[in-house]
């Protein structure tokens, strides 16, 4: 989904607890430092955090202005460069490995890594948002193998592939199957963003992805859409219902071990196309806040 291009902030403050049995770990995916100091954040009792950063973050000093030593567990997800002129650049395997090695040397205690964010959200000639990884499953498998070589200490978890469901999930399933052929059996964790099922009150796409990937699944990004362009006009009540469906989907299969809610804060401005925040711009709670606090599941039917 839409990204907030902000500096790498000290999000590394939450301890992820491994899921067991049918339980799953509830976390948050959010790019704003203010999230973790907001008095409304602690009552939600998130146990994990996810942070998205450019693969070449160590070559961009401005992106590290607020960085602190990583002394707690957090899922760090790499993605495209944010540097001007390099947003569409797909790094070679050697370049990717060199950059993530720099990151590992700077943050040696980070033990949860996602290879690349939303690999199937394509860029186009008219749209910069997205990733330069579409249709590059073999390259992505090589990135995964590079991550395994660099982040190789005991207790490390690697999200091998991170995909968006989209309204038509057939292409997503195809991406998963192609990646598996190149990555091999060491790829055991899939990151999945099931916004379409969650907000269309459906289970079909999630079931199809679970059928295509037989290992562990982390819902690395999902949430109730308050607003998304013309597809989802602004509605906090609809978003709250979607969050209930989100919890039902997370409980639907024992292989789903993590759920990261995107996100705590609202959109920066009323003109933004994307908003999935749990609070309003004035800091008050939205209906979805109570759903997340209570972890209240509801039927995935309108």
Protein backbone atom coordinates (compact mmCIF):
# COMPACT_ATOMS: atom_id res chain seq x y z
CA UNK A 1 0.00 0.00 0.00
CA UNK A 2 0.99 3.64 0.02
CA UNK A 3 4.22 4.42 1.86
CA UNK A 4 5.23 7.37 4.01
CA UNK A 5 8.75 8.37 3.07
CA UNK A 6 10.11 9.25 6.51
CA UNK A 7 13.51 8.73 8.15
CA UNK A 8 14.37 5.42 9.79
CA UNK A 9 12.92 6.11 13.23
CA UNK A 10 13.59 4.30 16.51
CA UNK A 11 10.80 1.78 16.16
CA UNK A 12 12.97 -0.97 17.61
CA UNK A 13 11.19 -1.00 20.93
CA UNK A 14 8.87 -3.99 20.86
CA UNK A 15 9.65 -7.62 21.58
CA UNK A 16 8.12 -10.14 19.16
CA UNK A 17 6.80 -13.26 20.85
CA UNK A 18 6.79 -16.42 18.67
CA UNK A 19 3.34 -17.79 17.97
CA UNK A 20 2.47 -21.33 19.02
CA UNK A 21 -0.36 -23.62 17.99
CA UNK A 22 -3.38 -21.64 16.74
CA UNK A 23 -2.21 -18.47 18.45
CA UNK A 24 -0.66 -15.64 16.49
CA UNK A 25 1.44 -12.63 17.46
CA UNK A 26 -0.30 -9.27 17.04
CA UNK A 27 1.91 -6.45 15.82
CA UNK A 28 1.81 -3.07 14.13
CA UNK A 29 3.30 -1.83 10.88
CA UNK A 30 3.75 1.93 11.07
CA UNK A 31 6.34 4.40 9.81
CA UNK A 32 5.76 7.27 12.24
CA UNK A 33 7.85 7.65 15.40
CA UNK A 34 4.96 9.41 17.16
CA UNK A 35 3.04 6.12 17.16
CA UNK A 36 5.13 4.63 19.93
CA UNK A 37 4.89 7.61 22.29
CA UNK A 38 1.16 8.21 21.83
CA UNK A 39 -0.69 7.38 25.08
CA UNK A 40 -3.32 5.50 23.06
CA UNK A 41 -0.72 3.09 21.67
CA UNK A 42 0.20 1.07 24.79
CA UNK A 43 -3.39 -0.10 25.55
CA UNK A 44 -3.46 -1.95 22.22
CA UNK A 45 -0.77 -4.31 23.60
CA UNK A 46 1.01 -4.98 20.31
CA UNK A 47 3.79 -7.54 20.67
CA UNK A 48 5.71 -6.92 17.44
CA UNK A 49 6.62 -4.07 15.10
CA UNK A 50 7.39 -3.91 11.38
CA UNK A 51 9.46 -1.21 9.74
CA UNK A 52 10.01 -0.69 6.01
CA UNK A 53 13.31 0.76 4.78
CA UNK A 54 15.15 1.10 1.45
CA UNK A 55 17.60 -1.71 0.73
CA UNK A 56 20.29 0.99 0.31
CA UNK A 57 19.41 2.87 3.49
CA UNK A 58 23.02 2.86 4.70
CA UNK A 59 24.04 4.99 1.72
CA UNK A 60 21.39 7.63 2.52
CA UNK A 61 22.46 9.51 5.67
CA UNK A 62 19.25 11.56 5.73
CA UNK A 63 17.26 8.35 6.15
CA UNK A 64 19.23 7.56 9.30
CA UNK A 65 18.87 10.89 11.04
CA UNK A 66 16.81 9.45 13.90
CA UNK A 67 18.24 5.93 13.98
CA UNK A 68 19.22 4.23 17.20
CA UNK A 69 20.95 0.94 17.90
CA UNK A 70 18.62 -1.97 17.36
CA UNK A 71 18.54 -3.72 20.72
CA UNK A 72 15.08 -5.26 20.47
CA UNK A 73 13.36 -7.45 17.91
CA UNK A 74 11.60 -5.78 15.00
CA UNK A 75 10.76 -7.05 11.53
CA UNK A 76 12.76 -4.95 9.06
CA UNK A 77 11.44 -5.06 5.52
CA UNK A 78 13.62 -3.90 2.63
CA UNK A 79 12.20 -2.25 -0.48
CA UNK A 80 13.15 -0.02 -3.43
CA UNK A 81 15.56 2.87 -3.10
CA UNK A 82 14.09 6.22 -2.05
CA UNK A 83 16.99 8.15 -3.58
CA UNK A 84 16.09 10.47 -6.45
CA UNK A 85 16.57 8.79 -9.80
CA UNK A 86 16.95 5.30 -8.32
CA UNK A 87 13.34 4.53 -7.41
CA UNK A 88 12.96 2.17 -10.39
CA UNK A 89 16.39 0.59 -10.04
CA UNK A 90 16.45 -3.18 -9.52
CA UNK A 91 19.80 -3.93 -7.85
CA UNK A 92 22.00 -6.77 -8.91
CA UNK A 93 22.34 -9.59 -6.40
CA UNK A 94 25.86 -8.41 -5.58
CA UNK A 95 24.67 -4.83 -4.95
CA UNK A 96 21.75 -5.99 -2.83
CA UNK A 97 23.99 -8.23 -0.74
CA UNK A 98 26.55 -5.45 -0.28
CA UNK A 99 23.90 -3.01 0.97
CA UNK A 100 22.16 -5.40 3.36
CA UNK A 101 25.57 -6.41 4.73
CA UNK A 102 26.13 -2.76 5.65
CA UNK A 103 22.79 -2.76 7.43
CA UNK A 104 23.61 -5.95 9.30
CA UNK A 105 26.94 -4.53 10.44
CA UNK A 106 25.19 -1.41 11.76
CA UNK A 107 22.29 -3.29 13.38
CA UNK A 108 23.63 -6.75 14.27
CA UNK A 109 20.83 -7.55 16.72
CA UNK A 110 18.07 -7.34 14.09
CA UNK A 111 17.04 -10.95 13.56
CA UNK A 112 13.80 -10.60 11.62
CA UNK A 113 14.20 -9.63 7.98
CA UNK A 114 11.80 -9.48 5.05
CA UNK A 115 13.64 -9.70 1.73
CA UNK A 116 11.55 -7.17 -0.25
CA UNK A 117 8.23 -5.42 0.33
CA UNK A 118 5.15 -6.11 -1.86
CA UNK A 119 7.16 -7.61 -4.70
CA UNK A 120 4.12 -7.90 -6.98
CA UNK A 121 2.93 -4.31 -6.68
CA UNK A 122 4.16 -3.12 -10.03
CA UNK A 123 5.50 0.23 -11.12
CA UNK A 124 4.55 1.64 -14.51
CA UNK A 125 5.63 4.48 -16.78
CA UNK A 126 3.03 6.71 -15.14
CA UNK A 127 3.21 5.34 -11.58
CA UNK A 128 6.30 5.43 -9.42
CA UNK A 129 4.60 3.87 -6.40
CA UNK A 130 5.27 0.16 -6.26
CA UNK A 131 8.37 -1.98 -6.66
CA UNK A 132 10.78 -2.77 -9.53
CA UNK A 133 10.52 -6.48 -8.68
CA UNK A 134 7.40 -7.47 -10.67
CA UNK A 135 8.00 -10.63 -12.66
CA UNK A 136 11.53 -10.98 -11.22
CA UNK A 137 10.96 -14.12 -9.17
CA UNK A 138 14.39 -15.59 -9.95
CA UNK A 139 16.13 -12.38 -8.83
CA UNK A 140 14.01 -12.34 -5.67
CA UNK A 141 15.01 -15.93 -4.90
CA UNK A 142 18.65 -14.85 -5.22
CA UNK A 143 18.00 -11.95 -2.84
CA UNK A 144 16.50 -14.43 -0.38
CA UNK A 145 19.60 -16.60 -0.57
CA UNK A 146 21.76 -13.51 0.00
CA UNK A 147 19.76 -12.62 3.12
CA UNK A 148 20.26 -16.15 4.45
CA UNK A 149 24.01 -15.76 3.99
CA UNK A 150 24.20 -12.34 5.68
CA UNK A 151 21.67 -12.79 8.50
CA UNK A 152 22.73 -16.25 9.60
CA UNK A 153 22.82 -16.11 13.40
CA UNK A 154 20.66 -18.46 15.51
CA UNK A 155 17.10 -17.31 16.05
CA UNK A 156 16.87 -15.41 12.76
CA UNK A 157 13.53 -15.36 10.93
CA UNK A 158 13.43 -14.50 7.22
CA UNK A 159 10.26 -13.59 5.35
CA UNK A 160 11.29 -15.01 1.99
CA UNK A 161 8.55 -13.42 -0.12
CA UNK A 162 6.18 -10.54 0.66
CA UNK A 163 3.12 -10.16 -1.58
CA UNK A 164 -0.04 -8.08 -1.92
CA UNK A 165 -3.25 -10.00 -2.62
CA UNK A 166 -4.91 -7.48 -5.00
CA UNK A 167 -8.54 -7.80 -6.10
CA UNK A 168 -7.61 -10.56 -8.55
CA UNK A 169 -5.39 -12.89 -6.55
CA UNK A 170 -4.53 -15.16 -9.50
CA UNK A 171 -1.43 -13.14 -10.35
CA UNK A 172 -0.32 -13.25 -6.72
CA UNK A 173 -0.62 -17.03 -6.65
CA UNK A 174 1.40 -17.21 -9.87
CA UNK A 175 4.16 -15.07 -8.29
CA UNK A 176 4.29 -17.39 -5.28
CA UNK A 177 4.54 -20.54 -7.40
CA UNK A 178 7.28 -19.12 -9.63
CA UNK A 179 9.29 -17.92 -6.63
CA UNK A 180 9.08 -21.31 -4.93
CA UNK A 181 10.60 -23.02 -7.97
CA UNK A 182 13.69 -20.81 -7.70
CA UNK A 183 13.96 -20.42 -3.91
CA UNK A 184 13.75 -24.04 -2.83
CA UNK A 185 12.70 -25.57 0.48
CA UNK A 186 14.59 -23.09 2.70
CA UNK A 187 11.93 -20.46 1.97
CA UNK A 188 9.53 -21.19 4.83
CA UNK A 189 7.83 -17.87 5.70
CA UNK A 190 5.53 -15.93 3.37
CA UNK A 191 4.56 -12.33 4.03
CA UNK A 192 1.02 -11.66 2.82
CA UNK A 193 -0.99 -8.43 2.65
CA UNK A 194 -4.64 -9.47 2.46
CA UNK A 195 -6.28 -6.04 2.24
CA UNK A 196 -8.72 -7.15 -0.45
CA UNK A 197 -10.18 -10.02 1.57
CA UNK A 198 -10.22 -7.98 4.79
CA UNK A 199 -12.00 -5.01 3.25
CA UNK A 200 -14.24 -6.91 0.84
CA UNK A 201 -15.33 -9.24 3.64
CA UNK A 202 -14.08 -12.34 1.89
CA UNK A 203 -11.90 -15.36 2.63
CA UNK A 204 -11.28 -16.54 -0.93
CA UNK A 205 -7.94 -14.85 -1.62
CA UNK A 206 -6.44 -15.83 1.72
CA UNK A 207 -7.46 -19.45 1.22
CA UNK A 208 -5.94 -19.51 -2.26
CA UNK A 209 -2.65 -18.09 -1.02
CA UNK A 210 -2.54 -20.58 1.85
CA UNK A 211 -3.07 -23.32 -0.72
CA UNK A 212 -0.17 -22.07 -2.82
CA UNK A 213 2.26 -21.69 0.12
CA UNK A 214 2.49 -24.66 2.45
CA UNK A 215 4.81 -23.06 5.02
CA UNK A 216 4.27 -20.38 7.65
CA UNK A 217 2.36 -17.22 6.75
CA UNK A 218 2.79 -13.82 8.37
CA UNK A 219 0.14 -11.22 7.59
CA UNK A 220 2.86 -8.59 7.43
CA UNK A 221 0.46 -5.80 6.51
CA UNK A 222 -3.32 -5.58 6.63
CA UNK A 223 -5.99 -3.38 8.13
CA UNK A 224 -9.34 -1.67 7.78
CA UNK A 225 -9.39 0.88 4.98
CA UNK A 226 -10.97 4.13 6.08
CA UNK A 227 -10.34 5.46 2.59
CA UNK A 228 -8.68 4.23 -0.59
CA UNK A 229 -9.32 6.28 -3.71
CA UNK A 230 -12.71 5.68 -5.32
CA UNK A 231 -12.83 2.01 -4.37
CA UNK A 232 -13.35 2.71 -0.67
CA UNK A 233 -14.95 6.11 0.08
CA UNK A 234 -14.27 7.40 3.59
CA UNK A 235 -16.02 5.34 6.26
CA UNK A 236 -14.69 4.64 9.74
CA UNK A 237 -17.58 2.25 10.49
CA UNK A 238 -16.84 0.09 7.44
CA UNK A 239 -13.16 0.04 8.40
CA UNK A 240 -14.05 -1.14 11.90
CA UNK A 241 -16.09 -4.04 10.48
CA UNK A 242 -13.18 -4.92 8.19
CA UNK A 243 -10.84 -5.09 11.19
CA UNK A 244 -13.18 -7.66 12.71
CA UNK A 245 -12.93 -9.73 9.54
CA UNK A 246 -9.13 -9.31 9.70
CA UNK A 247 -9.05 -11.08 13.08
CA UNK A 248 -11.23 -13.88 11.72
CA UNK A 249 -8.85 -14.38 8.81
CA UNK A 250 -5.85 -14.45 11.18
CA UNK A 251 -7.50 -17.25 13.17
CA UNK A 252 -8.56 -19.23 10.11
CA UNK A 253 -5.41 -21.33 9.81
CA UNK A 254 -2.76 -22.42 12.32
CA UNK A 255 -0.01 -21.61 9.79
CA UNK A 256 -0.82 -17.90 10.15
CA UNK A 257 1.59 -16.92 12.93
CA UNK A 258 1.79 -13.11 12.79
CA UNK A 259 -0.64 -10.27 12.16
CA UNK A 260 0.70 -6.73 11.65
CA UNK A 261 -1.99 -4.04 11.60
CA UNK A 262 -1.35 -1.15 9.22
CA UNK A 263 -1.56 1.39 10.75
CA UNK A 264 -2.00 3.32 14.01
CA UNK A 265 -1.86 6.89 12.66
CA UNK A 266 -4.26 8.40 10.10
CA UNK A 267 -3.30 9.87 6.74
CA UNK A 268 -1.18 13.02 6.85
CA UNK A 269 -3.91 15.10 5.17
CA UNK A 270 -7.54 14.83 4.08
CA UNK A 271 -6.41 14.85 0.43
CA UNK A 272 -4.43 11.61 0.79
CA UNK A 273 -5.95 8.68 -1.11
CA UNK A 274 -4.98 6.08 1.50
CA UNK A 275 -6.01 6.05 5.15
CA UNK A 276 -6.14 3.00 7.44
CA UNK A 277 -5.45 4.69 10.77
CA UNK A 278 -6.95 3.65 14.09
CA UNK A 279 -7.09 7.25 15.33
CA UNK A 280 -8.33 10.53 13.87
CA UNK A 281 -6.12 13.50 12.93
CA UNK A 282 -7.18 15.21 16.18
CA UNK A 283 -5.91 12.21 18.19
CA UNK A 284 -9.33 10.79 19.08
CA UNK A 285 -10.15 7.12 18.68
CA UNK A 286 -11.89 5.76 15.62
CA UNK A 287 -14.35 2.84 15.93
CA UNK A 288 -11.63 0.50 14.69
CA UNK A 289 -9.47 1.28 17.71
CA UNK A 290 -11.89 -0.54 20.03
CA UNK A 291 -12.00 -3.53 17.65
CA UNK A 292 -8.21 -3.88 17.75
CA UNK A 293 -8.02 -3.30 21.51
CA UNK A 294 -10.55 -6.07 22.11
CA UNK A 295 -9.19 -8.21 19.25
CA UNK A 296 -12.84 -8.63 18.36
CA UNK A 297 -13.35 -10.97 15.42
CA UNK A 298 -16.53 -10.82 13.30
CA UNK A 299 -17.87 -12.75 10.35
CA UNK A 300 -16.28 -12.00 6.98
CA UNK A 301 -19.69 -11.36 5.47
CA UNK A 302 -21.24 -7.97 4.89
